[in-house]
Amino acid sequence: MQSVIHLVSGDGSEQQTALAIARNLLDDESGTIDDVAVVAQAGGIEAITAGGNEEEQVRSLIDDGVPFKACSNTLDVMDLDESDLIDGIETVPEGAVEVTRLQNEGYAYMRP
């Protein structure tokens, strides 16, 4: 099974929950979870910004193989550059399109 977590909220509690879910899925011992991905857009971009409150947790997930994808449209709207993101985060043109693409590939959608 594969899961995509849609990180869209600027609320710190929701961001922490989303990252905790990613960690729980990654650490699942049943062997049924193959891949976990995180797509950030809108206020969720804050969680993947370098120097942010969630940087350590995001870095740990990236180091453990979880791909993080940031919406380029959101970066433009928020006047951010790719260099403002935590190292290792990929940008995609549109976050919603990326989530839809992953769902089409069989990823289960999750949004805390």
PDB file of N, CA and C in Angstrom:
ATOM      1  N   MET A   1       0.839  -1.179   0.000  1.00  0.00           N
ATOM      2  CA  MET A   1       0.000   0.000   0.000  1.00  0.00           C
ATOM      3  C   MET A   1       0.886   1.245   0.000  1.00  0.00           C
ATOM      4  N   GLN A   2       0.320   2.306  -0.548  1.00  0.00           N
ATOM      5  CA  GLN A   2       1.014   3.578  -0.617  1.00  0.00           C
ATOM      6  C   GLN A   2       0.086   4.666  -0.090  1.00  0.00           C
ATOM      7  N   SER A   3       0.666   5.661   0.565  1.00  0.00           N
ATOM      8  CA  SER A   3      -0.130   6.761   1.108  1.00  0.00           C
ATOM      9  C   SER A   3       0.510   8.088   0.750  1.00  0.00           C
ATOM     10  N   VAL A   4      -0.346   9.056   0.405  1.00  0.00           N
ATOM     11  CA  VAL A   4       0.111  10.430   0.209  1.00  0.00           C
ATOM     12  C   VAL A   4      -0.575  11.297   1.259  1.00  0.00           C
ATOM     13  N   ILE A   5       0.230  12.074   1.969  1.00  0.00           N
ATOM     14  CA  ILE A   5      -0.288  12.983   2.976  1.00  0.00           C
ATOM     15  C   ILE A   5      -0.286  14.374   2.366  1.00  0.00           C
ATOM     16  N   HIS A   6      -1.459  14.998   2.382  1.00  0.00           N
ATOM     17  CA  HIS A   6      -1.648  16.323   1.797  1.00  0.00           C
ATOM     18  C   HIS A   6      -1.522  17.341   2.926  1.00  0.00           C
ATOM     19  N   LEU A   7      -0.421  18.051   2.936  1.00  0.00           N
ATOM     20  CA  LEU A   7      -0.121  19.011   3.988  1.00  0.00           C
ATOM     21  C   LEU A   7      -0.503  20.400   3.487  1.00  0.00           C
ATOM     22  N   VAL A   8      -1.678  20.881   3.908  1.00  0.00           N
ATOM     23  CA  VAL A   8      -2.181  22.154   3.392  1.00  0.00           C
ATOM     24  C   VAL A   8      -2.435  23.204   4.478  1.00  0.00           C
ATOM     25  N   SER A   9      -2.415  22.818   5.712  1.00  0.00           N
ATOM     26  CA  SER A   9      -2.770  23.738   6.786  1.00  0.00           C
ATOM     27  C   SER A   9      -1.552  24.462   7.339  1.00  0.00           C
ATOM     28  N   GLY A  10      -1.736  25.726   7.672  1.00  0.00           N
ATOM     29  CA  GLY A  10      -0.711  26.497   8.347  1.00  0.00           C
ATOM     30  C   GLY A  10      -0.758  26.319   9.862  1.00  0.00           C
ATOM     31  N   ASP A  11      -1.712  25.544  10.347  1.00  0.00           N
ATOM     32  CA  ASP A  11      -1.853  25.284  11.776  1.00  0.00           C
ATOM     33  C   ASP A  11      -0.755  24.321  12.235  1.00  0.00           C
ATOM     34  N   GLY A  12       0.036  24.752  13.204  1.00  0.00           N
ATOM     35  CA  GLY A  12       1.158  23.944  13.680  1.00  0.00           C
ATOM     36  C   GLY A  12       0.747  22.580  14.201  1.00  0.00           C
ATOM     37  N   SER A  13      -0.380  22.507  14.875  1.00  0.00           N
ATOM     38  CA  SER A  13      -0.860  21.231  15.404  1.00  0.00           C
ATOM     39  C   SER A  13      -1.195  20.262  14.270  1.00  0.00           C
ATOM     40  N   GLU A  14      -1.845  20.767  13.227  1.00  0.00           N
ATOM     41  CA  GLU A  14      -2.163  19.908  12.087  1.00  0.00           C
ATOM     42  C   GLU A  14      -0.896  19.476  11.346  1.00  0.00           C
ATOM     43  N   GLN A  15       0.078  20.361  11.263  1.00  0.00           N
ATOM     44  CA  GLN A  15       1.344  20.007  10.621  1.00  0.00           C
ATOM     45  C   GLN A  15       2.045  18.903  11.405  1.00  0.00           C
ATOM     46  N   GLN A  16       2.075  19.040  12.729  1.00  0.00           N
ATOM     47  CA  GLN A  16       2.693  18.018  13.566  1.00  0.00           C
ATOM     48  C   GLN A  16       1.971  16.686  13.421  1.00  0.00           C
ATOM     49  N   THR A  17       0.640  16.729  13.356  1.00  0.00           N
ATOM     50  CA  THR A  17      -0.139  15.501  13.177  1.00  0.00           C
ATOM     51  C   THR A  17       0.188  14.846  11.845  1.00  0.00           C
ATOM     52  N   ALA A  18       0.252  15.636  10.779  1.00  0.00           N
ATOM     53  CA  ALA A  18       0.561  15.095   9.455  1.00  0.00           C
ATOM     54  C   ALA A  18       1.927  14.416   9.451  1.00  0.00           C
ATOM     55  N   LEU A  19       2.914  15.045  10.059  1.00  0.00           N
ATOM     56  CA  LEU A  19       4.259  14.472  10.094  1.00  0.00           C
ATOM     57  C   LEU A  19       4.316  13.241  10.992  1.00  0.00           C
ATOM     58  N   ALA A  20       3.538  13.247  12.074  1.00  0.00           N
ATOM     59  CA  ALA A  20       3.469  12.068  12.948  1.00  0.00           C
ATOM     60  C   ALA A  20       2.825  10.898  12.209  1.00  0.00           C
ATOM     61  N   ILE A  21       1.807  11.181  11.411  1.00  0.00           N
ATOM     62  CA  ILE A  21       1.175  10.126  10.608  1.00  0.00           C
ATOM     63  C   ILE A  21       2.181   9.557   9.619  1.00  0.00           C
ATOM     64  N   ALA A  22       2.943  10.432   8.970  1.00  0.00           N
ATOM     65  CA  ALA A  22       3.971   9.955   8.026  1.00  0.00           C
ATOM     66  C   ALA A  22       4.956   9.037   8.735  1.00  0.00           C
ATOM     67  N   ARG A  23       5.390   9.422   9.923  1.00  0.00           N
ATOM     68  CA  ARG A  23       6.336   8.604  10.693  1.00  0.00           C
ATOM     69  C   ARG A  23       5.698   7.272  11.073  1.00  0.00           C
ATOM     70  N   ASN A  24       4.448   7.299  11.531  1.00  0.00           N
ATOM     71  CA  ASN A  24       3.768   6.062  11.927  1.00  0.00           C
ATOM     72  C   ASN A  24       3.621   5.108  10.747  1.00  0.00           C
ATOM     73  N   LEU A  25       3.275   5.642   9.593  1.00  0.00           N
ATOM     74  CA  LEU A  25       3.159   4.799   8.396  1.00  0.00           C
ATOM     75  C   LEU A  25       4.512   4.207   8.021  1.00  0.00           C
ATOM     76  N   LEU A  26       5.535   5.029   8.083  1.00  0.00           N
ATOM     77  CA  LEU A  26       6.879   4.581   7.727  1.00  0.00           C
ATOM     78  C   LEU A  26       7.368   3.487   8.675  1.00  0.00           C
ATOM     79  N   ASP A  27       7.020   3.626   9.949  1.00  0.00           N
ATOM     80  CA  ASP A  27       7.480   2.676  10.963  1.00  0.00           C
ATOM     81  C   ASP A  27       6.557   1.472  11.128  1.00  0.00           C
ATOM     82  N   ASP A  28       5.504   1.387  10.315  1.00  0.00           N
ATOM     83  CA  ASP A  28       4.550   0.282  10.406  1.00  0.00           C
ATOM     84  C   ASP A  28       5.274  -1.057  10.304  1.00  0.00           C
ATOM     85  N   GLU A  29       5.012  -1.926  11.244  1.00  0.00           N
ATOM     86  CA  GLU A  29       5.693  -3.221  11.276  1.00  0.00           C
ATOM     87  C   GLU A  29       4.924  -4.339  10.573  1.00  0.00           C
ATOM     88  N   SER A  30       3.746  -4.044  10.054  1.00  0.00           N
ATOM     89  CA  SER A  30       2.952  -5.082   9.403  1.00  0.00           C
ATOM     90  C   SER A  30       3.507  -5.433   8.025  1.00  0.00           C
ATOM     91  N   GLY A  31       4.318  -4.549   7.488  1.00  0.00           N
ATOM     92  CA  GLY A  31       4.881  -4.804   6.164  1.00  0.00           C
ATOM     93  C   GLY A  31       3.932  -4.479   5.027  1.00  0.00           C
ATOM     94  N   THR A  32       2.814  -3.829   5.324  1.00  0.00           N
ATOM     95  CA  THR A  32       1.837  -3.550   4.278  1.00  0.00           C
ATOM     96  C   THR A  32       2.014  -2.175   3.638  1.00  0.00           C
ATOM     97  N   ILE A  33       2.807  -1.298   4.264  1.00  0.00           N
ATOM     98  CA  ILE A  33       3.021   0.045   3.727  1.00  0.00           C
ATOM     99  C   ILE A  33       4.314   0.047   2.911  1.00  0.00           C
ATOM    100  N   ASP A  34       4.179   0.319   1.618  1.00  0.00           N
ATOM    101  CA  ASP A  34       5.344   0.332   0.735  1.00  0.00           C
ATOM    102  C   ASP A  34       5.952   1.724   0.601  1.00  0.00           C
ATOM    103  N   ASP A  35       5.113   2.738   0.445  1.00  0.00           N
ATOM    104  CA  ASP A  35       5.600   4.094   0.212  1.00  0.00           C
ATOM    105  C   ASP A  35       4.726   5.108   0.931  1.00  0.00           C
ATOM    106  N   VAL A  36       5.373   6.164   1.384  1.00  0.00           N
ATOM    107  CA  VAL A  36       4.698   7.312   1.977  1.00  0.00           C
ATOM    108  C   VAL A  36       5.270   8.544   1.305  1.00  0.00           C
ATOM    109  N   ALA A  37       4.408   9.446   0.850  1.00  0.00           N
ATOM    110  CA  ALA A  37       4.839  10.706   0.250  1.00  0.00           C
ATOM    111  C   ALA A  37       4.084  11.840   0.920  1.00  0.00           C
ATOM    112  N   VAL A  38       4.684  13.028   0.931  1.00  0.00           N
ATOM    113  CA  VAL A  38       4.038  14.209   1.494  1.00  0.00           C
ATOM    114  C   VAL A  38       4.050  15.301   0.432  1.00  0.00           C
ATOM    115  N   VAL A  39       2.880  15.883   0.179  1.00  0.00           N
ATOM    116  CA  VAL A  39       2.756  17.004  -0.753  1.00  0.00           C
ATOM    117  C   VAL A  39       2.302  18.212   0.055  1.00  0.00           C
ATOM    118  N   ALA A  40       3.090  19.288   0.000  1.00  0.00           N
ATOM    119  CA  ALA A  40       2.779  20.500   0.759  1.00  0.00           C
ATOM    120  C   ALA A  40       2.379  21.631  -0.172  1.00  0.00           C
ATOM    121  N   GLN A  41       1.308  22.314   0.215  1.00  0.00           N
ATOM    122  CA  GLN A  41       0.878  23.502  -0.501  1.00  0.00           C
ATOM    123  C   GLN A  41       0.143  24.402   0.476  1.00  0.00           C
ATOM    124  N   ALA A  42      -0.197  25.593   0.019  1.00  0.00           N
ATOM    125  CA  ALA A  42      -0.872  26.593   0.858  1.00  0.00           C
ATOM    126  C   ALA A  42      -0.087  26.750   2.168  1.00  0.00           C
ATOM    127  N   GLY A  43      -0.776  26.851   3.295  1.00  0.00           N
ATOM    128  CA  GLY A  43      -0.107  27.054   4.579  1.00  0.00           C
ATOM    129  C   GLY A  43       0.791  25.915   4.999  1.00  0.00           C
ATOM    130  N   GLY A  44       0.609  24.743   4.403  1.00  0.00           N
ATOM    131  CA  GLY A  44       1.449  23.592   4.725  1.00  0.00           C
ATOM    132  C   GLY A  44       2.902  23.783   4.341  1.00  0.00           C
ATOM    133  N   ILE A  45       3.164  24.728   3.441  1.00  0.00           N
ATOM    134  CA  ILE A  45       4.542  25.029   3.030  1.00  0.00           C
ATOM    135  C   ILE A  45       5.382  25.431   4.237  1.00  0.00           C
ATOM    136  N   GLU A  46       4.752  26.064   5.225  1.00  0.00           N
ATOM    137  CA  GLU A  46       5.490  26.508   6.409  1.00  0.00           C
ATOM    138  C   GLU A  46       6.220  25.357   7.091  1.00  0.00           C
ATOM    139  N   ALA A  47       5.633  24.168   7.064  1.00  0.00           N
ATOM    140  CA  ALA A  47       6.228  23.011   7.742  1.00  0.00           C
ATOM    141  C   ALA A  47       7.505  22.536   7.067  1.00  0.00           C
ATOM    142  N   ILE A  48       7.687  22.883   5.801  1.00  0.00           N
ATOM    143  CA  ILE A  48       8.861  22.395   5.073  1.00  0.00           C
ATOM    144  C   ILE A  48       9.835  23.519   4.725  1.00  0.00           C
ATOM    145  N   THR A  49       9.663  24.649   5.400  1.00  0.00           N
ATOM    146  CA  THR A  49      10.550  25.790   5.198  1.00  0.00           C
ATOM    147  C   THR A  49      11.756  25.663   6.118  1.00  0.00           C
ATOM    148  N   ALA A  50      12.944  25.902   5.571  1.00  0.00           N
ATOM    149  CA  ALA A  50      14.171  25.836   6.364  1.00  0.00           C
ATOM    150  C   ALA A  50      14.067  26.783   7.552  1.00  0.00           C
ATOM    151  N   GLY A  51      14.483  26.293   8.711  1.00  0.00           N
ATOM    152  CA  GLY A  51      14.428  27.093   9.923  1.00  0.00           C
ATOM    153  C   GLY A  51      13.083  27.056  10.627  1.00  0.00           C
ATOM    154  N   GLY A  52      12.128  26.332  10.074  1.00  0.00           N
ATOM    155  CA  GLY A  52      10.802  26.242  10.669  1.00  0.00           C
ATOM    156  C   GLY A  52      10.763  25.288  11.854  1.00  0.00           C
ATOM    157  N   ASN A  53       9.633  25.296  12.543  1.00  0.00           N
ATOM    158  CA  ASN A  53       9.467  24.473  13.741  1.00  0.00           C
ATOM    159  C   ASN A  53       9.546  22.980  13.470  1.00  0.00           C
ATOM    160  N   GLU A  54       9.206  22.563  12.266  1.00  0.00           N
ATOM    161  CA  GLU A  54       9.140  21.129  11.953  1.00  0.00           C
ATOM    162  C   GLU A  54      10.367  20.624  11.199  1.00  0.00           C
ATOM    163  N   GLU A  55      11.398  21.463  11.068  1.00  0.00           N
ATOM    164  CA  GLU A  55      12.548  21.099  10.224  1.00  0.00           C
ATOM    165  C   GLU A  55      13.201  19.779  10.631  1.00  0.00           C
ATOM    166  N   GLU A  56      13.425  19.577  11.899  1.00  0.00           N
ATOM    167  CA  GLU A  56      14.097  18.357  12.344  1.00  0.00           C
ATOM    168  C   GLU A  56      13.286  17.111  11.980  1.00  0.00           C
ATOM    169  N   GLN A  57      11.983  17.172  12.199  1.00  0.00           N
ATOM    170  CA  GLN A  57      11.124  16.025  11.889  1.00  0.00           C
ATOM    171  C   GLN A  57      11.065  15.776  10.382  1.00  0.00           C
ATOM    172  N   VAL A  58      10.984  16.843   9.598  1.00  0.00           N
ATOM    173  CA  VAL A  58      10.954  16.704   8.133  1.00  0.00           C
ATOM    174  C   VAL A  58      12.268  16.113   7.651  1.00  0.00           C
ATOM    175  N   ARG A  59      13.385  16.616   8.144  1.00  0.00           N
ATOM    176  CA  ARG A  59      14.707  16.086   7.741  1.00  0.00           C
ATOM    177  C   ARG A  59      14.806  14.588   8.059  1.00  0.00           C
ATOM    178  N   SER A  60      14.318  14.200   9.217  1.00  0.00           N
ATOM    179  CA  SER A  60      14.365  12.791   9.615  1.00  0.00           C
ATOM    180  C   SER A  60      13.564  11.928   8.641  1.00  0.00           C
ATOM    181  N   LEU A  61      12.379  12.393   8.253  1.00  0.00           N
ATOM    182  CA  LEU A  61      11.553  11.639   7.307  1.00  0.00           C
ATOM    183  C   LEU A  61      12.209  11.575   5.929  1.00  0.00           C
ATOM    184  N   ILE A  62      12.790  12.685   5.492  1.00  0.00           N
ATOM    185  CA  ILE A  62      13.500  12.680   4.202  1.00  0.00           C
ATOM    186  C   ILE A  62      14.654  11.695   4.252  1.00  0.00           C
ATOM    187  N   ASP A  63      15.413  11.723   5.336  1.00  0.00           N
ATOM    188  CA  ASP A  63      16.547  10.800   5.492  1.00  0.00           C
ATOM    189  C   ASP A  63      16.100   9.348   5.461  1.00  0.00           C
ATOM    190  N   ASP A  64      14.852   9.100   5.888  1.00  0.00           N
ATOM    191  CA  ASP A  64      14.315   7.740   5.906  1.00  0.00           C
ATOM    192  C   ASP A  64      13.556   7.389   4.625  1.00  0.00           C
ATOM    193  N   GLY A  65      13.677   8.249   3.608  1.00  0.00           N
ATOM    194  CA  GLY A  65      13.143   7.901   2.291  1.00  0.00           C
ATOM    195  C   GLY A  65      11.774   8.445   1.938  1.00  0.00           C
ATOM    196  N   VAL A  66      11.202   9.320   2.759  1.00  0.00           N
ATOM    197  CA  VAL A  66       9.893   9.890   2.440  1.00  0.00           C
ATOM    198  C   VAL A  66      10.099  11.080   1.504  1.00  0.00           C
ATOM    199  N   PRO A  67       9.546  11.026   0.287  1.00  0.00           N
ATOM    200  CA  PRO A  67       9.667  12.183  -0.592  1.00  0.00           C
ATOM    201  C   PRO A  67       8.696  13.290  -0.175  1.00  0.00           C
ATOM    202  N   PHE A  68       9.205  14.502  -0.122  1.00  0.00           N
ATOM    203  CA  PHE A  68       8.397  15.687   0.146  1.00  0.00           C
ATOM    204  C   PHE A  68       8.361  16.504  -1.130  1.00  0.00           C
ATOM    205  N   LYS A  69       7.157  16.960  -1.490  1.00  0.00           N
ATOM    206  CA  LYS A  69       6.984  17.740  -2.709  1.00  0.00           C
ATOM    207  C   LYS A  69       6.278  19.041  -2.368  1.00  0.00           C
ATOM    208  N   ALA A  70       6.829  20.142  -2.860  1.00  0.00           N
ATOM    209  CA  ALA A  70       6.281  21.465  -2.579  1.00  0.00           C
ATOM    210  C   ALA A  70       5.645  22.034  -3.832  1.00  0.00           C
ATOM    211  N   CYS A  71       4.522  22.681  -3.665  1.00  0.00           N
ATOM    212  CA  CYS A  71       3.776  23.305  -4.757  1.00  0.00           C
ATOM    213  C   CYS A  71       4.462  24.612  -5.183  1.00  0.00           C
ATOM    214  N   SER A  72       4.897  24.664  -6.437  1.00  0.00           N
ATOM    215  CA  SER A  72       5.544  25.873  -6.961  1.00  0.00           C
ATOM    216  C   SER A  72       4.594  27.059  -6.981  1.00  0.00           C
ATOM    217  N   ASN A  73       3.321  26.813  -7.262  1.00  0.00           N
ATOM    218  CA  ASN A  73       2.342  27.907  -7.244  1.00  0.00           C
ATOM    219  C   ASN A  73       2.298  28.562  -5.866  1.00  0.00           C
ATOM    220  N   THR A  74       2.306  27.737  -4.826  1.00  0.00           N
ATOM    221  CA  THR A  74       2.281  28.276  -3.469  1.00  0.00           C
ATOM    222  C   THR A  74       3.548  29.066  -3.180  1.00  0.00           C
ATOM    223  N   LEU A  75       4.684  28.556  -3.612  1.00  0.00           N
ATOM    224  CA  LEU A  75       5.928  29.288  -3.404  1.00  0.00           C
ATOM    225  C   LEU A  75       5.838  30.674  -4.033  1.00  0.00           C
ATOM    226  N   ASP A  76       5.302  30.738  -5.251  1.00  0.00           N
ATOM    227  CA  ASP A  76       5.150  32.023  -5.938  1.00  0.00           C
ATOM    228  C   ASP A  76       4.236  32.963  -5.161  1.00  0.00           C
ATOM    229  N   VAL A  77       3.092  32.455  -4.722  1.00  0.00           N
ATOM    230  CA  VAL A  77       2.121  33.273  -3.999  1.00  0.00           C
ATOM    231  C   VAL A  77       2.709  33.783  -2.681  1.00  0.00           C
ATOM    232  N   MET A  78       3.496  32.937  -2.020  1.00  0.00           N
ATOM    233  CA  MET A  78       4.068  33.303  -0.718  1.00  0.00           C
ATOM    234  C   MET A  78       5.416  34.008  -0.867  1.00  0.00           C
ATOM    235  N   ASP A  79       5.821  34.269  -2.094  1.00  0.00           N
ATOM    236  CA  ASP A  79       7.084  34.934  -2.382  1.00  0.00           C
ATOM    237  C   ASP A  79       8.274  34.199  -1.760  1.00  0.00           C
ATOM    238  N   LEU A  80       8.267  32.877  -1.942  1.00  0.00           N
ATOM    239  CA  LEU A  80       9.352  32.025  -1.460  1.00  0.00           C
ATOM    240  C   LEU A  80      10.088  31.431  -2.654  1.00  0.00           C
ATOM    241  N   ASP A  81      11.343  31.079  -2.439  1.00  0.00           N
ATOM    242  CA  ASP A  81      12.152  30.398  -3.447  1.00  0.00           C
ATOM    243  C   ASP A  81      12.408  28.965  -3.002  1.00  0.00           C
ATOM    244  N   GLU A  82      12.833  28.137  -3.941  1.00  0.00           N
ATOM    245  CA  GLU A  82      13.196  26.765  -3.582  1.00  0.00           C
ATOM    246  C   GLU A  82      14.268  26.763  -2.501  1.00  0.00           C
ATOM    247  N   SER A  83      15.126  27.755  -2.514  1.00  0.00           N
ATOM    248  CA  SER A  83      16.206  27.831  -1.528  1.00  0.00           C
ATOM    249  C   SER A  83      15.678  28.082  -0.110  1.00  0.00           C
ATOM    250  N   ASP A  84      14.423  28.487   0.019  1.00  0.00           N
ATOM    251  CA  ASP A  84      13.816  28.687   1.336  1.00  0.00           C
ATOM    252  C   ASP A  84      13.337  27.379   1.951  1.00  0.00           C
ATOM    253  N   LEU A  85      13.330  26.311   1.151  1.00  0.00           N
ATOM    254  CA  LEU A  85      12.848  25.013   1.620  1.00  0.00           C
ATOM    255  C   LEU A  85      13.980  24.200   2.235  1.00  0.00           C
ATOM    256  N   ILE A  86      13.612  23.241   3.042  1.00  0.00           N
ATOM    257  CA  ILE A  86      14.567  22.290   3.605  1.00  0.00           C
ATOM    258  C   ILE A  86      15.206  21.521   2.457  1.00  0.00           C
ATOM    259  N   ASP A  87      16.500  21.306   2.532  1.00  0.00           N
ATOM    260  CA  ASP A  87      17.207  20.551   1.492  1.00  0.00           C
ATOM    261  C   ASP A  87      16.565  19.186   1.282  1.00  0.00           C
ATOM    262  N   GLY A  88      16.455  18.798   0.027  1.00  0.00           N
ATOM    263  CA  GLY A  88      15.916  17.487  -0.306  1.00  0.00           C
ATOM    264  C   GLY A  88      14.453  17.509  -0.693  1.00  0.00           C
ATOM    265  N   ILE A  89      13.835  18.690  -0.677  1.00  0.00           N
ATOM    266  CA  ILE A  89      12.429  18.784  -1.053  1.00  0.00           C
ATOM    267  C   ILE A  89      12.324  19.114  -2.530  1.00  0.00           C
ATOM    268  N   GLU A  90      11.520  18.330  -3.227  1.00  0.00           N
ATOM    269  CA  GLU A  90      11.293  18.511  -4.658  1.00  0.00           C
ATOM    270  C   GLU A  90      10.144  19.489  -4.859  1.00  0.00           C
ATOM    271  N   THR A  91      10.213  20.290  -5.901  1.00  0.00           N
ATOM    272  CA  THR A  91       9.071  21.141  -6.227  1.00  0.00           C
ATOM    273  C   THR A  91       8.301  20.531  -7.390  1.00  0.00           C
ATOM    274  N   VAL A  92       7.009  20.752  -7.367  1.00  0.00           N
ATOM    275  CA  VAL A  92       6.113  20.316  -8.440  1.00  0.00           C
ATOM    276  C   VAL A  92       5.301  21.542  -8.857  1.00  0.00           C
ATOM    277  N   PRO A  93       4.858  21.602 -10.114  1.00  0.00           N
ATOM    278  CA  PRO A  93       4.139  22.791 -10.574  1.00  0.00           C
ATOM    279  C   PRO A  93       2.893  23.107  -9.745  1.00  0.00           C
ATOM    280  N   GLU A  94       2.095  22.079  -9.436  1.00  0.00           N
ATOM    281  CA  GLU A  94       0.841  22.285  -8.708  1.00  0.00           C
ATOM    282  C   GLU A  94       0.646  21.145  -7.712  1.00  0.00           C
ATOM    283  N   GLY A  95       0.477  21.504  -6.449  1.00  0.00           N
ATOM    284  CA  GLY A  95       0.324  20.489  -5.411  1.00  0.00           C
ATOM    285  C   GLY A  95      -0.893  19.610  -5.597  1.00  0.00           C
ATOM    286  N   ALA A  96      -2.030  20.212  -5.936  1.00  0.00           N
ATOM    287  CA  ALA A  96      -3.258  19.430  -6.105  1.00  0.00           C
ATOM    288  C   ALA A  96      -3.133  18.445  -7.260  1.00  0.00           C
ATOM    289  N   VAL A  97      -2.465  18.865  -8.314  1.00  0.00           N
ATOM    290  CA  VAL A  97      -2.258  17.964  -9.456  1.00  0.00           C
ATOM    291  C   VAL A  97      -1.365  16.796  -9.046  1.00  0.00           C
ATOM    292  N   GLU A  98      -0.337  17.071  -8.249  1.00  0.00           N
ATOM    293  CA  GLU A  98       0.565  16.012  -7.783  1.00  0.00           C
ATOM    294  C   GLU A  98      -0.168  15.016  -6.894  1.00  0.00           C
ATOM    295  N   VAL A  99      -1.009  15.514  -5.996  1.00  0.00           N
ATOM    296  CA  VAL A  99      -1.797  14.623  -5.141  1.00  0.00           C
ATOM    297  C   VAL A  99      -2.701  13.749  -6.003  1.00  0.00           C
ATOM    298  N   THR A 100      -3.353  14.356  -6.981  1.00  0.00           N
ATOM    299  CA  THR A 100      -4.247  13.612  -7.873  1.00  0.00           C
ATOM    300  C   THR A 100      -3.470  12.567  -8.670  1.00  0.00           C
ATOM    301  N   ARG A 101      -2.293  12.948  -9.143  1.00  0.00           N
ATOM    302  CA  ARG A 101      -1.450  12.006  -9.902  1.00  0.00           C
ATOM    303  C   ARG A 101      -1.076  10.808  -9.033  1.00  0.00           C
ATOM    304  N   LEU A 102      -0.682  11.075  -7.804  1.00  0.00           N
ATOM    305  CA  LEU A 102      -0.307   9.985  -6.908  1.00  0.00           C
ATOM    306  C   LEU A 102      -1.504   9.096  -6.585  1.00  0.00           C
ATOM    307  N   GLN A 103      -2.666   9.709  -6.376  1.00  0.00           N
ATOM    308  CA  GLN A 103      -3.868   8.902  -6.137  1.00  0.00           C
ATOM    309  C   GLN A 103      -4.155   8.010  -7.341  1.00  0.00           C
ATOM    310  N   ASN A 104      -3.966   8.544  -8.520  1.00  0.00           N
ATOM    311  CA  ASN A 104      -4.185   7.778  -9.746  1.00  0.00           C
ATOM    312  C   ASN A 104      -3.211   6.605  -9.847  1.00  0.00           C
ATOM    313  N   GLU A 105      -2.046   6.739  -9.204  1.00  0.00           N
ATOM    314  CA  GLU A 105      -1.053   5.663  -9.176  1.00  0.00           C
ATOM    315  C   GLU A 105      -1.307   4.669  -8.048  1.00  0.00           C
ATOM    316  N   GLY A 106      -2.382   4.895  -7.286  1.00  0.00           N
ATOM    317  CA  GLY A 106      -2.733   3.942  -6.230  1.00  0.00           C
ATOM    318  C   GLY A 106      -2.449   4.396  -4.820  1.00  0.00           C
ATOM    319  N   TYR A 107      -1.981   5.614  -4.645  1.00  0.00           N
ATOM    320  CA  TYR A 107      -1.725   6.122  -3.300  1.00  0.00           C
ATOM    321  C   TYR A 107      -3.051   6.461  -2.624  1.00  0.00           C
ATOM    322  N   ALA A 108      -3.187   6.066  -1.364  1.00  0.00           N
ATOM    323  CA  ALA A 108      -4.338   6.456  -0.555  1.00  0.00           C
ATOM    324  C   ALA A 108      -4.127   7.895  -0.086  1.00  0.00           C
ATOM    325  N   TYR A 109      -5.194   8.669  -0.125  1.00  0.00           N
ATOM    326  CA  TYR A 109      -5.135  10.092   0.259  1.00  0.00           C
ATOM    327  C   TYR A 109      -5.370  10.235   1.743  1.00  0.00           C
ATOM    328  N   MET A 110      -4.511  11.027   2.404  1.00  0.00           N
ATOM    329  CA  MET A 110      -4.675  11.306   3.829  1.00  0.00           C
ATOM    330  C   MET A 110      -4.487  12.785   4.055  1.00  0.00           C
ATOM    331  N   ARG A 111      -5.376  13.364   4.842  1.00  0.00           N
ATOM    332  CA  ARG A 111      -5.237  14.756   5.239  1.00  0.00           C
ATOM    333  C   ARG A 111      -5.730  14.890   6.673  1.00  0.00           C
ATOM    334  N   PRO A 112      -4.793  15.210   7.575  1.00  0.00           N
ATOM    335  CA  PRO A 112      -5.203  15.345   8.980  1.00  0.00           C
ATOM    336  C   PRO A 112      -6.074  16.570   9.199  1.00  0.00           C
TER     337      PRO A 112
END
